[in-house]
Protein backbone atom coordinates (compact mmCIF):
# COMPACT_ATOMS: atom_id res chain seq x y z
CA MET A 1 -70.83 -13.80 18.15
CA ALA A 2 -68.30 -13.78 20.74
CA GLN A 3 -64.71 -13.58 19.44
CA ALA A 4 -61.93 -15.75 20.92
CA SER A 5 -59.73 -13.78 23.10
CA PHE A 6 -55.50 -14.71 22.58
CA GLY A 7 -54.16 -12.27 25.32
CA PRO A 8 -52.31 -9.37 24.75
CA HIS A 9 -49.13 -11.05 23.55
CA LEU A 10 -51.20 -13.80 21.10
CA ASP A 11 -52.51 -11.95 18.25
CA PRO A 12 -52.61 -14.64 15.24
CA GLU A 13 -51.70 -11.87 12.84
CA ARG A 14 -48.47 -10.86 14.56
CA LEU A 15 -47.50 -14.87 14.92
CA GLY A 16 -48.51 -15.35 11.52
CA ASP A 17 -45.76 -12.60 10.28
CA ARG A 18 -43.19 -13.83 12.53
CA ALA A 19 -43.72 -17.53 11.28
CA ALA A 20 -43.76 -15.85 7.59
CA ARG A 21 -40.32 -13.91 8.10
CA GLY A 22 -39.05 -17.08 10.39
CA CYS A 23 -39.42 -19.30 6.83
CA LEU A 24 -38.02 -16.45 4.81
CA GLY A 25 -34.84 -15.98 6.85
CA GLY A 26 -34.55 -19.71 7.53
CA ILE A 27 -34.46 -20.13 3.21
CA PHE A 28 -31.91 -16.91 2.63
CA ASP A 29 -29.71 -18.79 4.73
CA GLN A 30 -29.38 -22.22 3.20
CA ILE A 31 -29.36 -20.33 -0.03
CA THR A 32 -26.43 -17.82 0.91
CA GLY A 33 -24.60 -20.90 2.34
CA CYS A 34 -24.75 -22.63 -0.78
CA VAL A 35 -24.06 -19.49 -2.78
CA TRP A 36 -20.73 -19.96 -0.73
CA SER A 37 -20.17 -23.19 -0.95
CA ILE A 38 -20.17 -23.41 -4.62
CA ILE A 39 -17.94 -20.24 -5.13
CA VAL A 40 -15.37 -22.16 -3.15
CA GLY A 41 -15.68 -25.54 -4.80
CA VAL A 42 -15.05 -23.59 -8.35
CA ILE A 43 -11.88 -21.72 -6.68
CA VAL A 44 -10.46 -24.95 -5.61
CA LEU A 45 -11.28 -26.42 -8.65
CA ILE A 46 -9.21 -24.25 -10.16
CA MET A 47 -6.35 -24.00 -8.20
CA ILE A 48 -5.95 -27.88 -8.98
CA LEU A 49 -6.58 -27.57 -12.55
CA GLY A 50 -4.04 -25.04 -12.78
CA ALA A 51 -1.32 -27.04 -10.83
CA GLY A 52 -2.04 -30.33 -12.52
CA GLY A 53 -1.43 -28.05 -15.88
CA TYR A 54 1.59 -26.69 -14.87
CA ALA A 55 3.46 -29.81 -13.79
CA VAL A 56 1.77 -31.02 -17.22
CA TYR A 57 3.54 -28.25 -18.91
CA LEU A 58 7.00 -28.42 -16.95
CA SER A 59 6.77 -32.35 -18.37
CA LEU A 60 6.45 -31.11 -22.25
CA ASN A 61 8.84 -28.61 -21.48
CA PRO A 62 11.93 -29.29 -19.67
CA ASP A 63 13.84 -26.04 -20.30
CA ALA A 64 11.44 -24.09 -18.30
CA ARG A 65 11.74 -25.57 -15.14
CA PRO A 66 12.67 -22.93 -12.98
CA PRO A 67 16.81 -23.65 -12.51
CA SER A 68 17.50 -25.82 -8.96
CA ILE A 69 19.52 -25.18 -6.06
CA GLU A 70 22.22 -27.75 -4.95
CA LEU A 71 21.68 -28.85 -1.73
CA PRO A 72 24.40 -28.93 0.97
CA GLY A 73 26.85 -31.81 0.86
CA ASN A 74 26.41 -31.85 -3.09
CA THR A 75 30.20 -33.04 -4.40
CA ARG A 76 31.85 -31.13 -7.51
CA THR A 77 34.28 -32.09 -10.02
CA TRP A 78 36.90 -29.50 -10.36
CA ASP A 79 39.99 -30.75 -12.34
CA GLY A 80 41.96 -27.57 -12.28
CA THR A 81 42.54 -26.10 -15.54
CA ALA A 82 40.16 -23.63 -14.99
CA THR A 83 38.68 -20.88 -12.57
CA LEU A 84 36.59 -22.59 -10.35
CA ARG A 85 33.26 -20.31 -9.92
CA CYS A 86 30.86 -20.77 -7.11
CA THR A 87 27.86 -18.36 -7.88
CA GLY A 88 23.73 -17.94 -7.11
CA HIS A 89 22.74 -19.47 -4.47
CA GLU A 90 25.00 -22.87 -5.35
CA HIS A 91 26.13 -25.01 -2.20
CA PHE A 92 28.57 -27.45 -3.28
CA LYS A 93 31.93 -28.89 -1.98
CA VAL A 94 35.47 -29.86 -3.68
CA ASP A 95 37.50 -32.46 -2.24
CA ALA A 96 40.90 -33.31 -2.70
CA THR A 97 42.00 -31.62 -6.16
CA THR A 98 45.25 -29.82 -6.75
CA ALA A 99 44.88 -26.96 -9.14
CA SER A 100 48.05 -24.10 -10.54
CA LEU A 101 46.52 -21.18 -12.14
CA LYS A 102 47.77 -18.00 -13.78
CA GLY A 103 45.19 -15.61 -12.14
CA THR A 104 42.30 -16.62 -9.30
CA ALA A 105 41.81 -20.40 -9.08
CA ILE A 106 38.17 -19.54 -7.23
CA LEU A 107 35.61 -16.89 -7.74
CA ALA A 108 32.97 -17.25 -4.91
CA ASP A 109 30.27 -14.41 -5.05
CA ASP A 110 26.70 -13.74 -4.53
CA HIS A 111 24.94 -16.47 -2.10
CA CYS A 112 27.60 -18.98 -3.21
CA GLN A 113 28.37 -21.55 -0.32
CA LEU A 114 31.27 -23.34 -0.80
CA GLU A 115 33.33 -26.41 0.97
CA LEU A 116 36.57 -26.95 0.58
CA ASN A 117 38.47 -30.34 1.97
CA ASP A 118 42.21 -31.45 1.34
CA VAL A 119 42.83 -29.09 -1.59
CA THR A 120 46.16 -27.97 -2.89
CA VAL A 121 45.18 -24.56 -5.04
CA LYS A 122 47.92 -21.81 -6.38
CA GLY A 123 47.43 -18.95 -8.28
CA SER A 124 48.17 -15.34 -8.55
CA THR A 125 44.83 -15.18 -5.69
CA SER A 126 44.28 -18.65 -4.48
CA ILE A 127 40.68 -17.80 -3.47
CA GLU A 128 38.76 -14.36 -4.13
CA ALA A 129 35.31 -14.46 -1.94
CA SER A 130 32.51 -11.80 -2.41
CA GLU A 131 29.23 -9.83 -1.98
CA HIS A 132 27.59 -12.63 0.75
CA ALA A 133 29.54 -15.97 -0.22
CA VAL A 134 30.50 -18.20 2.24
CA VAL A 135 33.71 -20.09 2.20
CA ARG A 136 34.57 -23.34 4.12
CA ILE A 137 38.62 -24.39 4.04
CA LYS A 138 39.75 -27.43 5.60
CA ARG A 139 43.07 -29.56 5.37
CA SER A 140 44.41 -27.73 2.97
CA SER A 141 47.05 -25.50 0.86
CA LEU A 142 46.35 -22.19 -0.16
CA SER A 143 48.91 -19.81 -1.81
CA GLY A 144 48.68 -16.48 -4.35
CA LYS A 145 51.29 -14.93 -5.78
CA LYS A 146 49.63 -11.74 -4.59
CA PHE A 147 46.95 -12.74 -2.06
CA GLY A 148 45.84 -16.54 -0.72
CA VAL A 149 42.96 -15.72 0.22
CA THR A 150 40.82 -12.35 -0.64
CA ALA A 151 37.17 -11.25 0.95
CA SER A 152 34.92 -8.42 0.78
CA GLY A 153 31.41 -7.62 1.02
CA HIS A 154 29.67 -9.17 3.26
CA ALA A 155 31.71 -12.66 2.66
CA LYS A 156 33.11 -14.96 5.20
CA VAL A 157 35.53 -17.58 5.27
CA GLU A 158 36.43 -20.21 7.38
CA ILE A 159 39.51 -21.89 7.89
CA GLU A 160 40.72 -24.66 9.69
CA ALA A 161 44.13 -26.80 9.79
CA SER A 162 45.40 -25.30 6.78
CA LYS A 163 48.37 -23.42 5.31
CA VAL A 164 48.14 -19.96 3.82
CA SER A 165 50.44 -17.71 1.86
CA GLY A 166 50.88 -14.71 -0.19
CA LYS A 167 53.31 -12.29 -0.93
CA THR A 168 51.16 -9.28 -0.62
CA ALA A 169 49.22 -10.85 1.78
CA ALA A 170 48.22 -13.98 3.01
CA ILE A 171 44.81 -12.89 3.99
CA GLU A 172 43.12 -9.34 3.38
CA ALA A 173 39.43 -8.77 4.47
CA ARG A 174 37.74 -5.61 3.01
CA ASP A 175 34.65 -3.54 3.83
CA HIS A 176 32.11 -5.98 6.44
CA ALA A 177 34.00 -9.28 5.18
CA GLN A 178 34.64 -11.78 8.18
CA VAL A 179 37.83 -14.31 8.20
CA THR A 180 37.75 -17.27 11.25
CA LEU A 181 41.06 -19.03 11.74
CA ARG A 182 41.68 -22.02 13.52
CA GLU A 183 45.11 -23.67 13.28
CA VAL A 184 46.26 -22.30 10.37
CA THR A 185 49.50 -21.60 9.39
CA LEU A 186 49.87 -18.27 7.97
CA LYS A 187 53.15 -17.01 6.10
CA GLY A 188 52.39 -13.49 4.92
CA GLU A 189 50.08 -10.40 6.59
CA ALA A 190 46.24 -11.27 8.07
CA ARG A 191 45.17 -7.85 7.21
CA PRO A 192 41.97 -6.44 7.85
CA VAL A 193 41.48 -3.39 5.83
CA GLY A 194 38.97 -1.15 6.86
CA ARG A 195 37.13 -0.77 10.87
CA HIS A 196 34.37 -2.86 9.95
CA ALA A 197 36.60 -5.59 8.45
CA ARG A 198 37.56 -8.91 10.79
CA ILE A 199 40.50 -11.65 10.76
CA ASP A 200 40.19 -13.81 13.85
CA GLY A 201 42.15 -16.23 15.24
CA ALA A 202 45.47 -14.73 13.58
CA THR A 203 48.84 -15.09 15.73
CA PRO A 204 50.24 -11.89 16.06
């Protein structure tokens, strides 16, 4: 009996093998896709549950909350009877305050950002800024038995429309500190110490 001929490229056995491999490949791809979907779903679920659990923990344990960073514009009350300290990443301002202290009246260090408006401050040093502190002063009077303002480290001090006085020096800048003066009346020396310290705007 004559056998049917399928030509050189239509071998039934080869066609069967290809069909079987195609089916198995498709099933394998589907299984792989399902597995990855399950893994991603589990990870997302764990993240959601973890965030929810942490929120519940903080609500039940308020002392465990991380310290908040004060936002620009927050006003702090200072009665002027003790040294004002601005440190860490604090950022606040003090308005219309009068202080007269024996020691340093205001200390600003670390990454503190401090704004002083319409204040009258007296001390051995009225303001001492160090490290990376930024201090902005407007319409104020600052006087010190030794220094009006000192700046060291990488501190930056901006003084505008104010009066600054000190017997040793009205302003002293050290290290890489920068002091900028705009419409400032000085009574005493403006003294940069070291070649990297700068005092800009001082009248000779």
